Every structure is written in structure tokens, then in C-alpha cells.
Amino acid sequence: MAMLEPHVPNTIETILDTRAVNPEQVLDLRRTVWPDGRICRREAELLFEINDTLEKVCGEWRDFFAEAMVAHLIEQAAPRGYVGEDDATWFRNRVLADGKIKGETELETLLQLLEKATDAPESLEVLALEVVKDAVLNGDHVLLGNTALVPGELGDPEVALLRRVLYAKAAGRSEAISRAEAELLCDLNDATLGADNASSWSALFVNALSNYLLVHSGYEPPSRERMKQVDRWLNQPTDGLAGFGRRMASGVANLGHTLQSMDIFGTDTPMESVYRSRLEAESAGCRIAERVDADEAAWLVQRIDRDGSLSVNEAALLHFLKASGLPLDASLEPMMARI
């Protein structure tokens, strides 16, 4: 544990000594580390040190810890809302410092980062899915907050957690399932065969896998670096919004001859290029969505044949694809004949 700064109140030392925190102490911590409305890296590290020590927590602590990390990694980011690779690596290393995510607090924080970020590295999303999968298989009811958890069995609470991860806002791709996500779901399906899983698991499996196979997410949110360029452009005194206003005023004053010879909006400004890219991607996506192409079909055949058998959920997925009436690659025909 790092040495505490002299100004840190005795409350923190008491928490570290007793390995427990109560609502009153959480309020004191809020006053200590959040007086300026910001959470610096040193303060974030201190909160992790406290959390690593705790054996008994309260709901107020979980809320405070998650809020602090969201503020540090998302709200204070430049540009706002984007979790960069370096910050994601720092967070991942901190939560895995002892080899695994510690309790509900860190898992809930990870989920909130995914839900509230405009964009975050896919590694964080994969980490969340891996954590839930491993907790289900190992019966870690403390981590998942479900005292009724049966090892190797997917109940409704676990399915709800998976759904939160899969359809989180982060990366702007919440409408489409990625291949990495589909792979993890297939691994979890294989690992829980024969278990008394909730019916909601079958529904999520079929919906998510058919989403991956049939839904094209052509839109990718602008990169963190691209949005930095937009931020710089917006704040330039000779361009950005100020420059736009001057061009508009000039255009109105000389309306008789300017409208034919002057482009008030300029060409290819950073902001315009961001939105143009999105429109072009969505337009292209519409042309190739809602069909299973050769690459997707080859992946599906390989996944289903990996263990040499066809599970109930896999059969349900194939039935769904067949009943959809959408174009399916011809390589799927032998597998469809099996159902």
C-alpha cells in the first residue's frame, strides 16, 4: 500500500485498519477526494487501495467507487466520454491486480464504464463477459451478488448481467454483436450443456447470435484521436464555431453575390467529416445486412461442429435462421438438414 499523504483524514486509516467501511465514512471520503469535482489518478489509486483492503462494504461505497471511476475515466477524459487505451489498460491492471475482479464493486464499476462511455476498447467488454462466464462456472456468488447461484448454471440474474454487457452503450456498437462476443457466448453455451439454465439464456443466445450473423453495424464511432481533432477545431479562434459565424455574417451581408461564389460552411471540416463517415457507413451497411455470408457461415459451422454435437440452443438458432426467410450461404444447407 502506498504511503498516505499527510492531509488524508484519519477516516481512511480507520477504514484500512478495520477493513470495513460504513455510510458515514463514505460521506467523509466524498468530502475528501471530491471537493473540486474531479478525481485525479492519485485519488483513483487511493480508492483502489481502499477497495483492495475491504472485507465488508456497504451500498454507499459501491456507488461512490463506481461514480468516482466513471468521473475519472469518462467525464474527465479528453475528449469527454472516450476511454483511451492507456486508461483502459490501467483500469484492467488495477482490477486484476490479484488475478481476478474483486466483488460486486469492481464488476459494477466495469459495467457502468461500458454503459456510460461513448467509446471504450473492446478489451473491457470482453473482460466483463469473461468475468461473468468464469463466475458462473466457478459458482462465485459473491462476485455476481446472487446467493442462489449454482456453479455451472445460468440463472436469470446471470443472463441479465450478460445482457447488460452485450448491449452496453460503449463503442457505439450496442446494436450489433461482435465476433468476440459471439465466441464467448458459444464457449459459455458449450460449458453449461446439460445444466438447468433459465429459459432466458436460450432466448439471449439465439437473439445475440442471430444478431451477430444478420445485423451489420456499419457505423463505428469516431476514434478518440479524431474527436480530439474536432475539439481543437471547435475552439480555434480563426476557424471552428467562431470562423463559421464570421463566414455566415459575411455571407448574409453580401447575399446578392456571395451565395453563388462562397461556401459558408467550408469544406471537409472535422465535424462534417465525422457525420459524413457515419452516413456513408450506415448506407453501405444497409446493402449488406440481413444475410449470412460465406465467412459467417463458415464460422457458424466450425463453432457448432467443434464438439461434434448439436445443442438445443444451437438447434434453436438454426431454426430461427431458417424461419427468417433471409438469404443464407449455401454452405449452411448440410447443417440445416440436420434439424
Protein backbone atom coordinates (compact mmCIF):
# COMPACT_ATOMS: atom_id res chain seq x y z
CA MET A 1 0.00 0.00 0.00
CA ALA A 2 1.28 3.43 -0.89
CA MET A 3 2.07 5.84 1.95
CA LEU A 4 -0.85 8.10 2.74
CA GLU A 5 -0.42 11.84 2.23
CA PRO A 6 -0.36 13.89 5.48
CA HIS A 7 -3.63 15.66 4.66
CA VAL A 8 -5.62 12.44 4.23
CA PRO A 9 -8.06 12.27 7.16
CA ASN A 10 -7.94 9.64 9.88
CA THR A 11 -11.10 8.14 8.40
CA ILE A 12 -9.06 6.40 5.70
CA GLU A 13 -6.61 4.93 8.21
CA THR A 14 -9.56 3.63 10.24
CA ILE A 15 -11.08 2.02 7.14
CA LEU A 16 -7.79 0.36 6.24
CA ASP A 17 -7.26 -0.88 9.79
CA THR A 18 -10.77 -2.32 10.20
CA ARG A 19 -11.11 -3.50 6.57
CA ALA A 20 -14.69 -2.19 6.61
CA VAL A 21 -16.49 0.98 5.54
CA ASN A 22 -19.83 2.44 6.61
CA PRO A 23 -22.08 5.13 5.03
CA GLU A 24 -20.75 7.90 7.29
CA GLN A 25 -17.17 7.13 6.31
CA VAL A 26 -18.13 7.11 2.63
CA LEU A 27 -19.57 10.60 3.04
CA ASP A 28 -16.30 11.70 4.63
CA LEU A 29 -14.39 10.22 1.68
CA ARG A 30 -16.56 12.10 -0.77
CA ARG A 31 -15.72 15.34 1.00
CA THR A 32 -12.02 14.45 1.00
CA VAL A 33 -11.32 13.31 -2.56
CA TRP A 34 -14.07 15.15 -4.43
CA PRO A 35 -14.07 18.78 -3.19
CA ASP A 36 -13.13 20.11 -6.64
CA GLY A 37 -15.49 17.84 -8.57
CA ARG A 38 -12.60 15.89 -10.09
CA ILE A 39 -10.85 12.60 -9.39
CA CYS A 40 -7.13 12.63 -10.20
CA ARG A 41 -5.11 9.46 -10.82
CA ARG A 42 -3.58 9.58 -7.32
CA GLU A 43 -7.05 9.74 -5.77
CA ALA A 44 -8.29 6.93 -8.02
CA GLU A 45 -5.32 4.80 -6.94
CA LEU A 46 -6.12 5.54 -3.29
CA LEU A 47 -9.72 4.38 -3.77
CA PHE A 48 -8.46 1.15 -5.32
CA GLU A 49 -6.11 0.64 -2.36
CA ILE A 50 -9.06 1.02 0.00
CA ASN A 51 -11.25 -1.32 -2.05
CA ASP A 52 -8.48 -3.96 -2.20
CA THR A 53 -8.37 -3.95 1.60
CA LEU A 54 -12.09 -4.07 2.34
CA GLU A 55 -13.72 -7.23 3.62
CA LYS A 56 -17.03 -5.59 4.46
CA VAL A 57 -18.65 -2.94 2.26
CA CYS A 58 -21.91 -1.03 2.09
CA GLY A 59 -24.01 0.03 -0.88
CA GLU A 60 -22.86 3.62 -0.47
CA TRP A 61 -19.25 2.53 -1.03
CA ARG A 62 -20.12 0.62 -4.21
CA ASP A 63 -21.99 3.66 -5.55
CA PHE A 64 -19.17 6.06 -4.66
CA PHE A 65 -16.42 3.87 -6.13
CA ALA A 66 -18.27 3.44 -9.43
CA GLU A 67 -19.12 7.16 -9.66
CA ALA A 68 -15.51 8.11 -8.98
CA MET A 69 -14.10 5.82 -11.68
CA VAL A 70 -16.72 6.93 -14.22
CA ALA A 71 -15.79 10.55 -13.49
CA HIS A 72 -12.06 9.81 -13.72
CA LEU A 73 -12.11 7.72 -16.88
CA ILE A 74 -15.10 9.10 -18.83
CA GLU A 75 -16.32 12.50 -17.68
CA GLN A 76 -12.83 13.96 -17.29
CA ALA A 77 -11.49 12.36 -20.46
CA ALA A 78 -10.34 14.43 -23.40
CA PRO A 79 -12.44 14.20 -25.45
CA ARG A 80 -15.21 13.65 -22.93
CA GLY A 81 -16.79 10.21 -22.99
CA TYR A 82 -13.91 8.32 -24.60
CA VAL A 83 -11.95 5.74 -22.60
CA GLY A 84 -8.48 5.63 -24.14
CA GLU A 85 -6.32 2.52 -24.48
CA ASP A 86 -3.91 3.67 -21.75
CA ASP A 87 -6.73 4.34 -19.28
CA ALA A 88 -8.40 1.03 -20.13
CA THR A 89 -5.11 -0.79 -19.56
CA TRP A 90 -4.65 0.97 -16.22
CA PHE A 91 -8.16 0.02 -15.09
CA ARG A 92 -7.80 -3.57 -16.25
CA ASN A 93 -4.46 -3.94 -14.47
CA ARG A 94 -5.92 -2.49 -11.26
CA VAL A 95 -8.99 -4.74 -11.12
CA LEU A 96 -6.86 -7.77 -11.99
CA ALA A 97 -4.02 -6.86 -9.61
CA ASP A 98 -4.64 -10.01 -7.55
CA GLY A 99 -5.60 -12.12 -10.55
CA LYS A 100 -9.36 -11.56 -10.53
CA ILE A 101 -12.01 -8.88 -10.17
CA LYS A 102 -12.83 -8.31 -6.51
CA GLY A 103 -16.51 -8.49 -5.66
CA GLU A 104 -19.58 -6.65 -6.87
CA THR A 105 -17.95 -3.23 -6.54
CA GLU A 106 -15.38 -3.68 -9.30
CA LEU A 107 -17.76 -5.63 -11.56
CA GLU A 108 -20.47 -2.96 -11.25
CA THR A 109 -17.87 -0.29 -11.97
CA LEU A 110 -16.77 -2.12 -15.13
CA LEU A 111 -20.40 -2.43 -16.26
CA GLN A 112 -21.06 1.26 -15.67
CA LEU A 113 -17.97 2.22 -17.66
CA LEU A 114 -19.30 0.21 -20.60
CA GLU A 115 -22.80 1.65 -20.25
CA LYS A 116 -21.79 5.30 -19.90
CA ALA A 117 -18.83 5.63 -22.27
CA THR A 118 -19.28 6.82 -25.83
CA ASP A 119 -16.42 4.58 -26.83
CA ALA A 120 -14.22 2.14 -24.94
CA PRO A 121 -11.70 -0.50 -26.06
CA GLU A 122 -13.34 -3.85 -26.78
CA SER A 123 -10.92 -5.41 -24.29
CA LEU A 124 -13.06 -4.03 -21.44
CA GLU A 125 -16.22 -5.57 -22.87
CA VAL A 126 -14.50 -8.93 -23.38
CA LEU A 127 -13.17 -8.73 -19.82
CA ALA A 128 -16.70 -8.23 -18.47
CA LEU A 129 -18.03 -11.23 -20.40
CA GLU A 130 -15.11 -13.38 -19.27
CA VAL A 131 -15.66 -12.36 -15.65
CA VAL A 132 -19.35 -13.30 -15.72
CA LYS A 133 -18.59 -16.58 -17.53
CA ASP A 134 -15.88 -17.61 -15.06
CA ALA A 135 -18.02 -16.61 -12.07
CA VAL A 136 -20.91 -18.73 -13.37
CA LEU A 137 -18.71 -21.76 -13.96
CA ASN A 138 -16.94 -21.41 -10.59
CA GLY A 139 -20.07 -20.56 -8.62
CA ASP A 140 -18.73 -17.20 -7.41
CA HIS A 141 -21.98 -15.95 -5.85
CA VAL A 142 -20.17 -13.10 -4.07
CA LEU A 143 -18.92 -11.55 -7.30
CA LEU A 144 -22.27 -11.88 -9.04
CA GLY A 145 -24.30 -10.91 -5.99
CA ASN A 146 -26.52 -13.99 -6.23
CA THR A 147 -26.58 -16.24 -3.17
CA ALA A 148 -28.71 -18.74 -5.11
CA LEU A 149 -26.06 -19.17 -7.82
CA VAL A 150 -25.44 -22.81 -8.77
CA PRO A 151 -21.96 -23.50 -10.23
CA GLY A 152 -22.15 -24.10 -13.96
CA GLU A 153 -25.76 -22.93 -14.21
CA LEU A 154 -27.13 -19.76 -15.79
CA GLY A 155 -29.98 -18.21 -13.83
CA ASP A 156 -31.98 -15.13 -14.73
CA PRO A 157 -29.64 -12.77 -12.76
CA GLU A 158 -26.59 -14.01 -14.67
CA VAL A 159 -28.38 -13.70 -18.01
CA ALA A 160 -29.34 -10.15 -17.06
CA LEU A 161 -25.67 -9.35 -16.40
CA LEU A 162 -24.66 -10.78 -19.77
CA ARG A 163 -27.33 -8.71 -21.46
CA ARG A 164 -26.05 -5.54 -19.76
CA VAL A 165 -22.60 -6.17 -21.18
CA LEU A 166 -23.69 -7.15 -24.69
CA TYR A 167 -25.97 -4.17 -25.17
CA ALA A 168 -23.94 -1.56 -23.31
CA LYS A 169 -23.53 1.83 -24.94
CA ALA A 170 -19.72 1.72 -25.10
CA ALA A 171 -18.14 1.74 -28.55
CA GLY A 172 -21.39 2.94 -30.13
CA ARG A 173 -22.00 -0.59 -31.39
CA SER A 174 -24.63 -1.64 -28.84
CA GLU A 175 -27.00 -2.53 -31.67
CA ALA A 176 -24.71 -5.24 -33.04
CA ILE A 177 -22.90 -8.22 -31.52
CA SER A 178 -19.22 -8.64 -32.38
CA ARG A 179 -17.48 -11.91 -33.23
CA ALA A 180 -15.52 -11.81 -29.96
CA GLU A 181 -18.81 -11.57 -28.06
CA ALA A 182 -20.35 -14.35 -30.14
CA GLU A 183 -17.33 -16.59 -29.43
CA LEU A 184 -17.65 -16.06 -25.68
CA LEU A 185 -21.36 -16.85 -25.75
CA CYS A 186 -20.67 -20.06 -27.67
CA ASP A 187 -17.97 -21.02 -25.15
CA LEU A 188 -20.41 -20.43 -22.30
CA ASN A 189 -23.10 -22.44 -24.08
CA ASP A 190 -20.68 -25.36 -24.52
CA ALA A 191 -19.60 -25.16 -20.87
CA THR A 192 -23.17 -25.24 -19.49
CA LEU A 193 -24.63 -28.03 -21.62
CA GLY A 194 -26.99 -30.17 -19.57
CA ALA A 195 -27.32 -27.56 -16.81
CA ASP A 196 -30.71 -26.40 -15.60
CA ASN A 197 -30.32 -23.00 -17.23
CA ALA A 198 -33.02 -20.34 -17.20
CA SER A 199 -35.11 -20.08 -20.35
CA SER A 200 -33.87 -16.50 -20.67
CA TRP A 201 -30.42 -17.91 -21.53
CA SER A 202 -31.75 -19.68 -24.63
CA ALA A 203 -33.52 -16.50 -25.71
CA LEU A 204 -30.39 -14.40 -25.22
CA PHE A 205 -28.19 -16.94 -27.03
CA VAL A 206 -30.44 -17.11 -30.10
CA ASN A 207 -31.04 -13.35 -30.20
CA ALA A 208 -27.37 -12.44 -29.78
CA LEU A 209 -26.00 -14.99 -32.25
CA SER A 210 -28.61 -14.18 -34.90
CA ASN A 211 -27.81 -10.51 -34.28
CA TYR A 212 -24.14 -11.17 -35.00
CA LEU A 213 -24.95 -13.14 -38.15
CA LEU A 214 -27.66 -10.91 -39.59
CA VAL A 215 -27.15 -7.37 -38.31
CA HIS A 216 -24.49 -5.22 -39.89
CA SER A 217 -23.10 -2.45 -37.72
CA GLY A 218 -21.53 -0.29 -40.35
CA TYR A 219 -21.21 2.66 -38.04
CA GLU A 220 -18.12 2.90 -35.88
CA PRO A 221 -17.95 5.92 -33.54
CA PRO A 222 -15.20 8.39 -34.40
CA SER A 223 -11.92 7.44 -32.82
CA ARG A 224 -10.66 9.19 -29.71
CA GLU A 225 -7.95 10.90 -31.78
CA ARG A 226 -10.49 12.04 -34.37
CA MET A 227 -12.68 13.61 -31.69
CA LYS A 228 -9.63 15.39 -30.29
CA GLN A 229 -9.22 16.99 -33.73
CA VAL A 230 -12.89 18.02 -33.65
CA ASP A 231 -12.44 19.55 -30.19
CA ARG A 232 -9.40 21.52 -31.35
CA TRP A 233 -11.22 22.71 -34.48
CA LEU A 234 -14.27 23.87 -32.49
CA ASN A 235 -12.07 26.01 -30.26
CA GLN A 236 -9.85 27.59 -32.90
CA PRO A 237 -10.30 31.41 -32.98
CA THR A 238 -9.83 31.55 -36.76
CA ASP A 239 -11.94 28.51 -37.59
CA GLY A 240 -14.41 26.32 -35.76
CA LEU A 241 -17.61 27.91 -34.49
CA ALA A 242 -16.13 31.41 -34.41
CA GLY A 243 -14.96 31.16 -38.01
CA PHE A 244 -18.28 29.69 -39.06
CA GLY A 245 -20.09 32.67 -37.51
CA ARG A 246 -17.90 35.16 -39.36
CA ARG A 247 -18.41 33.35 -42.66
CA MET A 248 -22.15 33.28 -42.07
CA ALA A 249 -22.24 37.02 -41.27
CA SER A 250 -20.20 37.77 -44.36
CA GLY A 251 -22.48 35.61 -46.44
CA VAL A 252 -25.60 37.42 -45.27
CA ALA A 253 -24.07 40.88 -45.76
CA ASN A 254 -23.11 40.07 -49.35
CA LEU A 255 -26.03 37.82 -50.13
CA GLY A 256 -26.51 39.18 -53.64
CA HIS A 257 -23.28 37.68 -54.99
CA THR A 258 -21.89 35.52 -52.21
CA LEU A 259 -24.28 32.57 -52.27
CA GLN A 260 -23.10 31.55 -55.71
CA SER A 261 -19.39 32.02 -55.07
CA MET A 262 -18.89 31.32 -51.38
CA ASP A 263 -19.24 28.13 -49.36
CA ILE A 264 -20.34 29.45 -45.99
CA PHE A 265 -19.82 26.12 -44.29
CA GLY A 266 -16.36 25.47 -45.73
CA THR A 267 -15.35 22.03 -46.97
CA ASP A 268 -14.44 18.90 -45.05
CA THR A 269 -14.34 20.42 -41.60
CA PRO A 270 -13.59 17.83 -38.92
CA MET A 271 -17.14 17.89 -37.59
CA GLU A 272 -18.67 17.45 -41.04
CA SER A 273 -16.36 14.57 -41.93
CA VAL A 274 -17.39 12.71 -38.76
CA TYR A 275 -21.06 12.82 -39.70
CA ARG A 276 -20.40 12.15 -43.37
CA SER A 277 -18.50 9.00 -42.44
CA ARG A 278 -21.39 7.81 -40.32
CA LEU A 279 -23.94 8.35 -43.10
CA GLU A 280 -21.76 6.55 -45.65
CA ALA A 281 -21.15 3.62 -43.31
CA GLU A 282 -24.84 3.25 -42.48
CA SER A 283 -25.77 3.42 -46.15
CA ALA A 284 -23.24 0.72 -47.04
CA GLY A 285 -24.41 -1.36 -44.09
CA CYS A 286 -27.99 -1.41 -45.33
CA ARG A 287 -26.80 -3.03 -48.55
CA ILE A 288 -25.09 -5.99 -46.89
CA ALA A 289 -27.15 -6.50 -43.72
CA GLU A 290 -29.71 -9.22 -43.10
CA ARG A 291 -27.94 -12.15 -44.71
CA VAL A 292 -25.46 -14.79 -43.62
CA ASP A 293 -22.42 -14.55 -45.89
CA ALA A 294 -19.79 -17.22 -46.59
CA ASP A 295 -17.43 -16.05 -43.85
CA GLU A 296 -20.17 -16.00 -41.20
CA ALA A 297 -21.47 -19.38 -42.36
CA ALA A 298 -18.01 -20.93 -42.15
CA TRP A 299 -17.61 -19.58 -38.61
CA LEU A 300 -21.01 -20.95 -37.55
CA VAL A 301 -20.33 -24.42 -38.98
CA GLN A 302 -16.93 -24.53 -37.27
CA ARG A 303 -18.39 -23.45 -33.93
CA ILE A 304 -21.27 -25.92 -33.95
CA ASP A 305 -19.12 -28.84 -35.14
CA ARG A 306 -16.39 -28.14 -32.58
CA ASP A 307 -17.76 -30.67 -30.09
CA GLY A 308 -19.37 -32.93 -32.68
CA SER A 309 -22.91 -32.42 -31.41
CA LEU A 310 -25.82 -30.05 -31.90
CA SER A 311 -27.03 -28.48 -28.65
CA VAL A 312 -30.60 -27.38 -28.01
CA ASN A 313 -29.63 -23.72 -28.22
CA GLU A 314 -27.65 -24.25 -31.44
CA ALA A 315 -30.62 -26.08 -33.00
CA ALA A 316 -32.89 -23.23 -31.93
CA LEU A 317 -30.53 -20.75 -33.61
CA LEU A 318 -30.58 -22.73 -36.86
CA HIS A 319 -34.38 -22.96 -36.75
CA PHE A 320 -34.54 -19.19 -36.27
CA LEU A 321 -32.22 -18.53 -39.21
CA LYS A 322 -34.16 -20.91 -41.44
CA ALA A 323 -37.52 -19.44 -40.46
CA SER A 324 -36.28 -15.88 -41.03
CA GLY A 325 -36.50 -16.30 -44.78
CA LEU A 326 -33.33 -14.25 -45.19
CA PRO A 327 -30.54 -15.23 -47.61
CA LEU A 328 -28.23 -17.87 -46.10
CA ASP A 329 -24.97 -19.01 -47.63
CA ALA A 330 -25.27 -22.38 -49.39
CA SER A 331 -22.60 -23.92 -47.13
CA LEU A 332 -25.18 -23.97 -44.32
CA GLU A 333 -27.51 -26.34 -46.16
CA PRO A 334 -26.00 -29.60 -44.79
CA MET A 335 -26.25 -28.29 -41.26
CA MET A 336 -29.81 -27.09 -41.79
CA ALA A 337 -30.70 -30.60 -42.96
CA ARG A 338 -29.71 -31.90 -39.51
CA ILE A 339 -32.59 -30.05 -37.87
